Amino acid sequence: MIRQRKRKAITTDSKHWMKKYCNLIKDITITKPEQVWVSDITYIRLTNYWGYLSLITDAFSRKIIGYCFRNDLQAEGVC
């Protein structure tokens, strides 16, 4: 039996022409909550389309500070 390969979404292209920002927290020691917040986007496969879950997380406590789920990656009308 031949298994169909699972497709993975390619979400990062580091060789693009757009401005690349420096890692501002690379040399920081995080010592307390609410000192640094980080964000991430998770792609979620639904029945007929992709959904996008955006999370804002406290880097020290790893507590989710905020979230938004959308069916597109537009920034307008952020939750």
Protein backbone atom coordinates (compact mmCIF):
# COMPACT_ATOMS: atom_id res chain seq x y z
CA MET A 1 0.00 0.00 0.00
CA ILE A 2 1.28 3.46 -0.88
CA ARG A 3 0.75 6.20 1.66
CA GLN A 4 -0.04 9.68 0.49
CA ARG A 5 2.50 12.22 1.71
CA LYS A 6 1.18 14.79 4.14
CA ARG A 7 1.56 18.33 2.88
CA LYS A 8 3.14 20.84 5.21
CA ALA A 9 2.43 24.52 4.90
CA ILE A 10 5.58 26.54 4.26
CA THR A 11 5.18 29.56 6.50
CA THR A 12 8.66 31.05 6.73
CA ASP A 13 10.85 32.41 3.95
CA SER A 14 13.91 34.07 5.47
CA LYS A 15 15.37 34.95 2.06
CA HIS A 16 12.71 37.51 1.17
CA TRP A 17 13.27 41.11 0.05
CA MET A 18 11.32 42.71 2.90
CA LYS A 19 12.91 44.36 5.94
CA LYS A 20 14.12 41.92 8.58
CA TYR A 21 13.94 43.04 12.18
CA CYS A 22 16.57 42.37 14.84
CA ASN A 23 15.85 40.04 17.74
CA LEU A 24 15.31 42.65 20.46
CA ILE A 25 15.16 40.14 23.33
CA LYS A 26 18.15 37.98 22.37
CA ASP A 27 20.40 39.22 25.21
CA ILE A 28 17.70 39.96 27.81
CA THR A 29 17.27 37.88 30.96
CA ILE A 30 13.56 37.75 31.67
CA THR A 31 13.06 37.93 35.44
CA LYS A 32 9.38 38.78 35.96
CA PRO A 33 5.94 38.57 34.32
CA GLU A 34 4.82 41.23 31.82
CA GLN A 35 8.42 42.12 31.00
CA VAL A 36 8.29 40.55 27.52
CA TRP A 37 5.31 39.43 25.46
CA VAL A 38 5.76 37.23 22.40
CA SER A 39 3.37 36.30 19.61
CA ASP A 40 2.79 33.30 17.41
CA ILE A 41 0.40 32.23 14.66
CA THR A 42 -0.79 28.63 14.48
CA TYR A 43 -2.37 27.30 11.28
CA ILE A 44 -5.34 25.02 11.98
CA ARG A 45 -6.78 22.81 9.24
CA LEU A 46 -10.58 22.80 9.36
CA THR A 47 -12.99 20.89 7.12
CA ASN A 48 -12.89 23.14 4.07
CA TYR A 49 -10.36 25.85 4.90
CA TRP A 50 -7.51 26.92 7.13
CA GLY A 51 -8.03 28.85 10.35
CA TYR A 52 -5.39 31.02 11.96
CA LEU A 53 -4.96 31.27 15.72
CA SER A 54 -2.89 34.22 16.88
CA LEU A 55 -1.60 34.11 20.46
CA ILE A 56 0.05 36.73 22.67
CA THR A 57 2.00 35.02 25.46
CA ASP A 58 3.90 36.30 28.48
CA ALA A 59 7.46 35.03 27.97
CA PHE A 60 8.16 34.58 31.71
CA SER A 61 4.99 32.84 32.93
CA ARG A 62 3.99 31.45 29.49
CA LYS A 63 0.46 32.58 30.28
CA ILE A 64 -1.67 33.41 27.23
CA ILE A 65 -2.44 37.12 27.48
CA GLY A 66 -4.66 37.33 24.41
CA TYR A 67 -5.78 35.40 21.36
CA CYS A 68 -7.68 35.79 18.11
CA PHE A 69 -8.99 33.17 15.67
CA ARG A 70 -9.65 34.20 12.06
CA ASN A 71 -10.14 32.58 8.68
CA ASP A 72 -7.60 34.93 7.05
CA LEU A 73 -4.26 36.53 7.95
CA GLN A 74 -5.42 40.13 7.61
CA ALA A 75 -4.55 42.51 10.44
CA GLU A 76 -7.66 44.68 10.07
CA GLY A 77 -10.20 44.28 12.83
CA VAL A 78 -7.90 42.33 15.11
CA CYS A 79 -9.80 40.66 17.97
